[in-house]
Amino acid sequence: MFYEKNNQTFQILDIMVILAIIMVVCLICSKHGQYFSLKREVGTLSVLGYTRKEITKHAFCEVVATNILSFIVGFAVEIFL
């Protein structure tokens, strides 16, 4: 009886879990590709004469900018929905 009343809730939770798993897989693939891209970028910047400190600063600013932009866009979408 309890299950029959909450069947729709369980279906929604199942869909949310599936979407969360898909998002994690996509995130892992994205970070894997980003790592190899960054690896080539660091090599190129090293050859061009950038110091390790400058490369680290550049990578940190890139990550911070990307995360802040993602947060703002996600927040805007959340407010809209």
PDB file of N, CA and C in Angstrom:
ATOM      1  N   MET A   1       0.809  -1.186   0.000  1.00  0.00           N
ATOM      2  CA  MET A   1       0.000   0.000   0.000  1.00  0.00           C
ATOM      3  C   MET A   1       0.859   1.259   0.000  1.00  0.00           C
ATOM      4  N   PHE A   2       1.878   1.289   0.838  1.00  0.00           N
ATOM      5  CA  PHE A   2       2.776   2.450   0.899  1.00  0.00           C
ATOM      6  C   PHE A   2       3.475   2.655  -0.438  1.00  0.00           C
ATOM      7  N   TYR A   3       3.927   1.559  -1.027  1.00  0.00           N
ATOM      8  CA  TYR A   3       4.628   1.646  -2.306  1.00  0.00           C
ATOM      9  C   TYR A   3       3.703   2.155  -3.410  1.00  0.00           C
ATOM     10  N   GLU A   4       2.468   1.714  -3.401  1.00  0.00           N
ATOM     11  CA  GLU A   4       1.527   2.134  -4.436  1.00  0.00           C
ATOM     12  C   GLU A   4       1.235   3.629  -4.355  1.00  0.00           C
ATOM     13  N   LYS A   5       1.167   4.180  -3.157  1.00  0.00           N
ATOM     14  CA  LYS A   5       0.902   5.611  -2.984  1.00  0.00           C
ATOM     15  C   LYS A   5       2.086   6.459  -3.461  1.00  0.00           C
ATOM     16  N   ASN A   6       3.280   5.982  -3.231  1.00  0.00           N
ATOM     17  CA  ASN A   6       4.476   6.753  -3.528  1.00  0.00           C
ATOM     18  C   ASN A   6       5.197   6.281  -4.785  1.00  0.00           C
ATOM     19  N   ASN A   7       4.525   5.582  -5.649  1.00  0.00           N
ATOM     20  CA  ASN A   7       5.143   5.041  -6.854  1.00  0.00           C
ATOM     21  C   ASN A   7       5.712   6.152  -7.729  1.00  0.00           C
ATOM     22  N   GLN A   8       4.957   7.238  -7.876  1.00  0.00           N
ATOM     23  CA  GLN A   8       5.431   8.345  -8.708  1.00  0.00           C
ATOM     24  C   GLN A   8       6.683   8.985  -8.093  1.00  0.00           C
ATOM     25  N   THR A   9       6.717   9.113  -6.793  1.00  0.00           N
ATOM     26  CA  THR A   9       7.890   9.678  -6.116  1.00  0.00           C
ATOM     27  C   THR A   9       9.113   8.805  -6.346  1.00  0.00           C
ATOM     28  N   PHE A  10       8.935   7.500  -6.243  1.00  0.00           N
ATOM     29  CA  PHE A  10      10.050   6.590  -6.478  1.00  0.00           C
ATOM     30  C   PHE A  10      10.536   6.657  -7.918  1.00  0.00           C
ATOM     31  N   GLN A  11       9.630   6.822  -8.868  1.00  0.00           N
ATOM     32  CA  GLN A  11      10.014   6.952 -10.270  1.00  0.00           C
ATOM     33  C   GLN A  11      10.823   8.222 -10.490  1.00  0.00           C
ATOM     34  N   ILE A  12      10.414   9.315  -9.864  1.00  0.00           N
ATOM     35  CA  ILE A  12      11.153  10.571  -9.988  1.00  0.00           C
ATOM     36  C   ILE A  12      12.544  10.425  -9.385  1.00  0.00           C
ATOM     37  N   LEU A  13      12.634   9.783  -8.230  1.00  0.00           N
ATOM     38  CA  LEU A  13      13.937   9.572  -7.600  1.00  0.00           C
ATOM     39  C   LEU A  13      14.826   8.676  -8.455  1.00  0.00           C
ATOM     40  N   ASP A  14      14.259   7.656  -9.070  1.00  0.00           N
ATOM     41  CA  ASP A  14      15.026   6.780  -9.960  1.00  0.00           C
ATOM     42  C   ASP A  14      15.586   7.570 -11.143  1.00  0.00           C
ATOM     43  N   ILE A  15      14.766   8.433 -11.712  1.00  0.00           N
ATOM     44  CA  ILE A  15      15.221   9.252 -12.839  1.00  0.00           C
ATOM     45  C   ILE A  15      16.329  10.196 -12.402  1.00  0.00           C
ATOM     46  N   MET A  16      16.200  10.769 -11.202  1.00  0.00           N
ATOM     47  CA  MET A  16      17.238  11.680 -10.697  1.00  0.00           C
ATOM     48  C   MET A  16      18.559  10.942 -10.488  1.00  0.00           C
ATOM     49  N   VAL A  17      18.497   9.722  -9.989  1.00  0.00           N
ATOM     50  CA  VAL A  17      19.714   8.932  -9.786  1.00  0.00           C
ATOM     51  C   VAL A  17      20.367   8.609 -11.122  1.00  0.00           C
ATOM     52  N   ILE A  18      19.574   8.229 -12.102  1.00  0.00           N
ATOM     53  CA  ILE A  18      20.119   7.928 -13.428  1.00  0.00           C
ATOM     54  C   ILE A  18      20.764   9.169 -14.037  1.00  0.00           C
ATOM     55  N   LEU A  19      20.095  10.320 -13.925  1.00  0.00           N
ATOM     56  CA  LEU A  19      20.670  11.565 -14.449  1.00  0.00           C
ATOM     57  C   LEU A  19      21.960  11.936 -13.723  1.00  0.00           C
ATOM     58  N   ALA A  20      22.010  11.699 -12.418  1.00  0.00           N
ATOM     59  CA  ALA A  20      23.226  12.003 -11.659  1.00  0.00           C
ATOM     60  C   ALA A  20      24.383  11.119 -12.125  1.00  0.00           C
ATOM     61  N   ILE A  21      24.117   9.848 -12.375  1.00  0.00           N
ATOM     62  CA  ILE A  21      25.160   8.944 -12.860  1.00  0.00           C
ATOM     63  C   ILE A  21      25.655   9.389 -14.229  1.00  0.00           C
ATOM     64  N   ILE A  22      24.730   9.766 -15.107  1.00  0.00           N
ATOM     65  CA  ILE A  22      25.117  10.244 -16.440  1.00  0.00           C
ATOM     66  C   ILE A  22      25.959  11.511 -16.328  1.00  0.00           C
ATOM     67  N   MET A  23      25.577  12.409 -15.433  1.00  0.00           N
ATOM     68  CA  MET A  23      26.343  13.653 -15.258  1.00  0.00           C
ATOM     69  C   MET A  23      27.753  13.366 -14.755  1.00  0.00           C
ATOM     70  N   VAL A  24      27.891  12.415 -13.854  1.00  0.00           N
ATOM     71  CA  VAL A  24      29.218  12.068 -13.332  1.00  0.00           C
ATOM     72  C   VAL A  24      30.094  11.493 -14.445  1.00  0.00           C
ATOM     73  N   VAL A  25      29.526  10.623 -15.273  1.00  0.00           N
ATOM     74  CA  VAL A  25      30.293  10.047 -16.381  1.00  0.00           C
ATOM     75  C   VAL A  25      30.724  11.139 -17.352  1.00  0.00           C
ATOM     76  N   CYS A  26      29.819  12.056 -17.672  1.00  0.00           N
ATOM     77  CA  CYS A  26      30.168  13.168 -18.568  1.00  0.00           C
ATOM     78  C   CYS A  26      31.242  14.054 -17.958  1.00  0.00           C
ATOM     79  N   LEU A  27      31.152  14.298 -16.668  1.00  0.00           N
ATOM     80  CA  LEU A  27      32.148  15.119 -15.987  1.00  0.00           C
ATOM     81  C   LEU A  27      33.516  14.451 -16.021  1.00  0.00           C
ATOM     82  N   ILE A  28      33.568  13.151 -15.799  1.00  0.00           N
ATOM     83  CA  ILE A  28      34.832  12.428 -15.834  1.00  0.00           C
ATOM     84  C   ILE A  28      35.452  12.495 -17.224  1.00  0.00           C
ATOM     85  N   CYS A  29      34.636  12.296 -18.250  1.00  0.00           N
ATOM     86  CA  CYS A  29      35.147  12.377 -19.628  1.00  0.00           C
ATOM     87  C   CYS A  29      35.660  13.777 -19.938  1.00  0.00           C
ATOM     88  N   SER A  30      34.931  14.782 -19.496  1.00  0.00           N
ATOM     89  CA  SER A  30      35.328  16.167 -19.732  1.00  0.00           C
ATOM     90  C   SER A  30      36.647  16.491 -19.035  1.00  0.00           C
ATOM     91  N   LYS A  31      36.777  16.090 -17.793  1.00  0.00           N
ATOM     92  CA  LYS A  31      38.010  16.369 -17.048  1.00  0.00           C
ATOM     93  C   LYS A  31      39.198  15.604 -17.632  1.00  0.00           C
ATOM     94  N   HIS A  32      38.949  14.405 -18.135  1.00  0.00           N
ATOM     95  CA  HIS A  32      40.007  13.616 -18.767  1.00  0.00           C
ATOM     96  C   HIS A  32      40.531  14.350 -20.007  1.00  0.00           C
ATOM     97  N   GLY A  33      39.632  14.831 -20.834  1.00  0.00           N
ATOM     98  CA  GLY A  33      40.031  15.585 -22.023  1.00  0.00           C
ATOM     99  C   GLY A  33      40.698  16.894 -21.666  1.00  0.00           C
ATOM    100  N   GLN A  34      40.192  17.556 -20.636  1.00  0.00           N
ATOM    101  CA  GLN A  34      40.782  18.822 -20.203  1.00  0.00           C
ATOM    102  C   GLN A  34      42.204  18.606 -19.678  1.00  0.00           C
ATOM    103  N   TYR A  35      42.438  17.499 -19.000  1.00  0.00           N
ATOM    104  CA  TYR A  35      43.770  17.207 -18.476  1.00  0.00           C
ATOM    105  C   TYR A  35      44.785  17.082 -19.611  1.00  0.00           C
ATOM    106  N   PHE A  36      44.432  16.326 -20.644  1.00  0.00           N
ATOM    107  CA  PHE A  36      45.372  16.149 -21.751  1.00  0.00           C
ATOM    108  C   PHE A  36      45.574  17.438 -22.532  1.00  0.00           C
ATOM    109  N   SER A  37      44.536  18.255 -22.626  1.00  0.00           N
ATOM    110  CA  SER A  37      44.672  19.558 -23.279  1.00  0.00           C
ATOM    111  C   SER A  37      45.600  20.450 -22.468  1.00  0.00           C
ATOM    112  N   LEU A  38      45.418  20.443 -21.149  1.00  0.00           N
ATOM    113  CA  LEU A  38      46.256  21.261 -20.274  1.00  0.00           C
ATOM    114  C   LEU A  38      47.702  20.780 -20.301  1.00  0.00           C
ATOM    115  N   LYS A  39      47.892  19.486 -20.418  1.00  0.00           N
ATOM    116  CA  LYS A  39      49.239  18.918 -20.470  1.00  0.00           C
ATOM    117  C   LYS A  39      49.995  19.465 -21.682  1.00  0.00           C
ATOM    118  N   ARG A  40      49.336  19.503 -22.835  1.00  0.00           N
ATOM    119  CA  ARG A  40      49.960  20.054 -24.045  1.00  0.00           C
ATOM    120  C   ARG A  40      50.193  21.554 -23.898  1.00  0.00           C
ATOM    121  N   GLU A  41      49.227  22.236 -23.285  1.00  0.00           N
ATOM    122  CA  GLU A  41      49.347  23.686 -23.096  1.00  0.00           C
ATOM    123  C   GLU A  41      50.528  24.020 -22.196  1.00  0.00           C
ATOM    124  N   VAL A  42      50.702  23.267 -21.127  1.00  0.00           N
ATOM    125  CA  VAL A  42      51.821  23.506 -20.207  1.00  0.00           C
ATOM    126  C   VAL A  42      53.147  23.273 -20.933  1.00  0.00           C
ATOM    127  N   GLY A  43      53.212  22.229 -21.741  1.00  0.00           N
ATOM    128  CA  GLY A  43      54.427  21.959 -22.508  1.00  0.00           C
ATOM    129  C   GLY A  43      54.744  23.087 -23.473  1.00  0.00           C
ATOM    130  N   THR A  44      53.715  23.590 -24.146  1.00  0.00           N
ATOM    131  CA  THR A  44      53.916  24.688 -25.092  1.00  0.00           C
ATOM    132  C   THR A  44      54.372  25.946 -24.370  1.00  0.00           C
ATOM    133  N   LEU A  45      53.733  26.266 -23.257  1.00  0.00           N
ATOM    134  CA  LEU A  45      54.120  27.469 -22.508  1.00  0.00           C
ATOM    135  C   LEU A  45      55.531  27.333 -21.950  1.00  0.00           C
ATOM    136  N   SER A  46      55.924  26.144 -21.538  1.00  0.00           N
ATOM    137  CA  SER A  46      57.288  25.926 -21.036  1.00  0.00           C
ATOM    138  C   SER A  46      58.318  26.166 -22.137  1.00  0.00           C
ATOM    139  N   VAL A  47      58.010  25.680 -23.326  1.00  0.00           N
ATOM    140  CA  VAL A  47      58.926  25.875 -24.452  1.00  0.00           C
ATOM    141  C   VAL A  47      59.039  27.355 -24.807  1.00  0.00           C
ATOM    142  N   LEU A  48      57.944  28.097 -24.640  1.00  0.00           N
ATOM    143  CA  LEU A  48      57.959  29.523 -24.962  1.00  0.00           C
ATOM    144  C   LEU A  48      58.656  30.369 -23.896  1.00  0.00           C
ATOM    145  N   GLY A  49      59.036  29.753 -22.774  1.00  0.00           N
ATOM    146  CA  GLY A  49      59.823  30.455 -21.774  1.00  0.00           C
ATOM    147  C   GLY A  49      59.059  30.896 -20.537  1.00  0.00           C
ATOM    148  N   TYR A  50      57.828  30.466 -20.390  1.00  0.00           N
ATOM    149  CA  TYR A  50      57.080  30.807 -19.180  1.00  0.00           C
ATOM    150  C   TYR A  50      57.652  30.042 -17.990  1.00  0.00           C
ATOM    151  N   THR A  51      57.649  30.695 -16.830  1.00  0.00           N
ATOM    152  CA  THR A  51      58.125  30.019 -15.620  1.00  0.00           C
ATOM    153  C   THR A  51      57.008  29.141 -15.062  1.00  0.00           C
ATOM    154  N   ARG A  52      57.387  28.253 -14.162  1.00  0.00           N
ATOM    155  CA  ARG A  52      56.402  27.362 -13.539  1.00  0.00           C
ATOM    156  C   ARG A  52      55.353  28.163 -12.770  1.00  0.00           C
ATOM    157  N   LYS A  53      55.783  29.251 -12.129  1.00  0.00           N
ATOM    158  CA  LYS A  53      54.868  30.101 -11.375  1.00  0.00           C
ATOM    159  C   LYS A  53      53.838  30.759 -12.307  1.00  0.00           C
ATOM    160  N   GLU A  54      54.283  31.239 -13.450  1.00  0.00           N
ATOM    161  CA  GLU A  54      53.369  31.874 -14.410  1.00  0.00           C
ATOM    162  C   GLU A  54      52.378  30.866 -14.982  1.00  0.00           C
ATOM    163  N   ILE A  55      52.845  29.663 -15.263  1.00  0.00           N
ATOM    164  CA  ILE A  55      51.967  28.620 -15.800  1.00  0.00           C
ATOM    165  C   ILE A  55      50.925  28.223 -14.755  1.00  0.00           C
ATOM    166  N   THR A  56      51.349  28.082 -13.501  1.00  0.00           N
ATOM    167  CA  THR A  56      50.424  27.735 -12.426  1.00  0.00           C
ATOM    168  C   THR A  56      49.385  28.828 -12.234  1.00  0.00           C
ATOM    169  N   LYS A  57      49.830  30.083 -12.280  1.00  0.00           N
ATOM    170  CA  LYS A  57      48.913  31.217 -12.139  1.00  0.00           C
ATOM    171  C   LYS A  57      47.897  31.222 -13.290  1.00  0.00           C
ATOM    172  N   HIS A  58      48.358  30.977 -14.495  1.00  0.00           N
ATOM    173  CA  HIS A  58      47.471  30.939 -15.665  1.00  0.00           C
ATOM    174  C   HIS A  58      46.434  29.824 -15.531  1.00  0.00           C
ATOM    175  N   ALA A  59      46.866  28.641 -15.137  1.00  0.00           N
ATOM    176  CA  ALA A  59      45.950  27.499 -14.986  1.00  0.00           C
ATOM    177  C   ALA A  59      44.936  27.765 -13.875  1.00  0.00           C
ATOM    178  N   PHE A  60      45.403  28.346 -12.771  1.00  0.00           N
ATOM    179  CA  PHE A  60      44.503  28.644 -11.653  1.00  0.00           C
ATOM    180  C   PHE A  60      43.441  29.663 -12.061  1.00  0.00           C
ATOM    181  N   CYS A  61      43.858  30.723 -12.749  1.00  0.00           N
ATOM    182  CA  CYS A  61      42.902  31.744 -13.195  1.00  0.00           C
ATOM    183  C   CYS A  61      41.897  31.153 -14.181  1.00  0.00           C
ATOM    184  N   GLU A  62      42.358  30.269 -15.042  1.00  0.00           N
ATOM    185  CA  GLU A  62      41.462  29.629 -16.006  1.00  0.00           C
ATOM    186  C   GLU A  62      40.415  28.769 -15.299  1.00  0.00           C
ATOM    187  N   VAL A  63      40.844  28.013 -14.310  1.00  0.00           N
ATOM    188  CA  VAL A  63      39.916  27.153 -13.564  1.00  0.00           C
ATOM    189  C   VAL A  63      38.930  27.999 -12.769  1.00  0.00           C
ATOM    190  N   VAL A  64      39.413  29.039 -12.111  1.00  0.00           N
ATOM    191  CA  VAL A  64      38.538  29.898 -11.314  1.00  0.00           C
ATOM    192  C   VAL A  64      37.526  30.593 -12.212  1.00  0.00           C
ATOM    193  N   ALA A  65      37.985  31.126 -13.336  1.00  0.00           N
ATOM    194  CA  ALA A  65      37.073  31.811 -14.259  1.00  0.00           C
ATOM    195  C   ALA A  65      36.010  30.852 -14.790  1.00  0.00           C
ATOM    196  N   THR A  66      36.410  29.645 -15.156  1.00  0.00           N
ATOM    197  CA  THR A  66      35.458  28.652 -15.663  1.00  0.00           C
ATOM    198  C   THR A  66      34.432  28.281 -14.596  1.00  0.00           C
ATOM    199  N   ASN A  67      34.885  28.071 -13.370  1.00  0.00           N
ATOM    200  CA  ASN A  67      33.963  27.689 -12.300  1.00  0.00           C
ATOM    201  C   ASN A  67      33.005  28.814 -11.936  1.00  0.00           C
ATOM    202  N   ILE A  68      33.507  30.047 -11.907  1.00  0.00           N
ATOM    203  CA  ILE A  68      32.634  31.180 -11.587  1.00  0.00           C
ATOM    204  C   ILE A  68      31.589  31.363 -12.688  1.00  0.00           C
ATOM    205  N   LEU A  69      32.014  31.273 -13.940  1.00  0.00           N
ATOM    206  CA  LEU A  69      31.077  31.395 -15.047  1.00  0.00           C
ATOM    207  C   LEU A  69      30.032  30.280 -15.002  1.00  0.00           C
ATOM    208  N   SER A  70      30.462  29.058 -14.718  1.00  0.00           N
ATOM    209  CA  SER A  70      29.527  27.934 -14.619  1.00  0.00           C
ATOM    210  C   SER A  70      28.541  28.137 -13.477  1.00  0.00           C
ATOM    211  N   PHE A  71      29.024  28.645 -12.369  1.00  0.00           N
ATOM    212  CA  PHE A  71      28.152  28.902 -11.221  1.00  0.00           C
ATOM    213  C   PHE A  71      27.103  29.954 -11.566  1.00  0.00           C
ATOM    214  N   ILE A  72      27.530  31.033 -12.215  1.00  0.00           N
ATOM    215  CA  ILE A  72      26.601  32.105 -12.564  1.00  0.00           C
ATOM    216  C   ILE A  72      25.539  31.616 -13.549  1.00  0.00           C
ATOM    217  N   VAL A  73      25.968  30.877 -14.575  1.00  0.00           N
ATOM    218  CA  VAL A  73      25.018  30.360 -15.563  1.00  0.00           C
ATOM    219  C   VAL A  73      24.058  29.366 -14.895  1.00  0.00           C
ATOM    220  N   GLY A  74      24.573  28.475 -14.066  1.00  0.00           N
ATOM    221  CA  GLY A  74      23.731  27.512 -13.371  1.00  0.00           C
ATOM    222  C   GLY A  74      22.741  28.194 -12.439  1.00  0.00           C
ATOM    223  N   PHE A  75      23.184  29.223 -11.754  1.00  0.00           N
ATOM    224  CA  PHE A  75      22.321  29.967 -10.859  1.00  0.00           C
ATOM    225  C   PHE A  75      21.219  30.684 -11.644  1.00  0.00           C
ATOM    226  N   ALA A  76      21.579  31.269 -12.779  1.00  0.00           N
ATOM    227  CA  ALA A  76      20.594  31.958 -13.630  1.00  0.00           C
ATOM    228  C   ALA A  76      19.550  30.976 -14.152  1.00  0.00           C
ATOM    229  N   VAL A  77      19.995  29.808 -14.580  1.00  0.00           N
ATOM    230  CA  VAL A  77      19.059  28.789 -15.069  1.00  0.00           C
ATOM    231  C   VAL A  77      18.135  28.332 -13.938  1.00  0.00           C
ATOM    232  N   GLU A  78      18.709  28.170 -12.754  1.00  0.00           N
ATOM    233  CA  GLU A  78      17.908  27.745 -11.601  1.00  0.00           C
ATOM    234  C   GLU A  78      16.844  28.782 -11.281  1.00  0.00           C
ATOM    235  N   ILE A  79      17.196  30.042 -11.301  1.00  0.00           N
ATOM    236  CA  ILE A  79      16.226  31.101 -11.011  1.00  0.00           C
ATOM    237  C   ILE A  79      15.142  31.127 -12.077  1.00  0.00           C
ATOM    238  N   PHE A  80      15.558  30.949 -13.331  1.00  0.00           N
ATOM    239  CA  PHE A  80      14.604  30.953 -14.435  1.00  0.00           C
ATOM    240  C   PHE A  80      13.598  29.815 -14.323  1.00  0.00           C
ATOM    241  N   LEU A  81      14.107  28.645 -13.949  1.00  0.00           N
ATOM    242  CA  LEU A  81      13.204  27.489 -13.831  1.00  0.00           C
ATOM    243  C   LEU A  81      12.417  27.537 -12.552  1.00  0.00           C
TER     244      LEU A  81
END
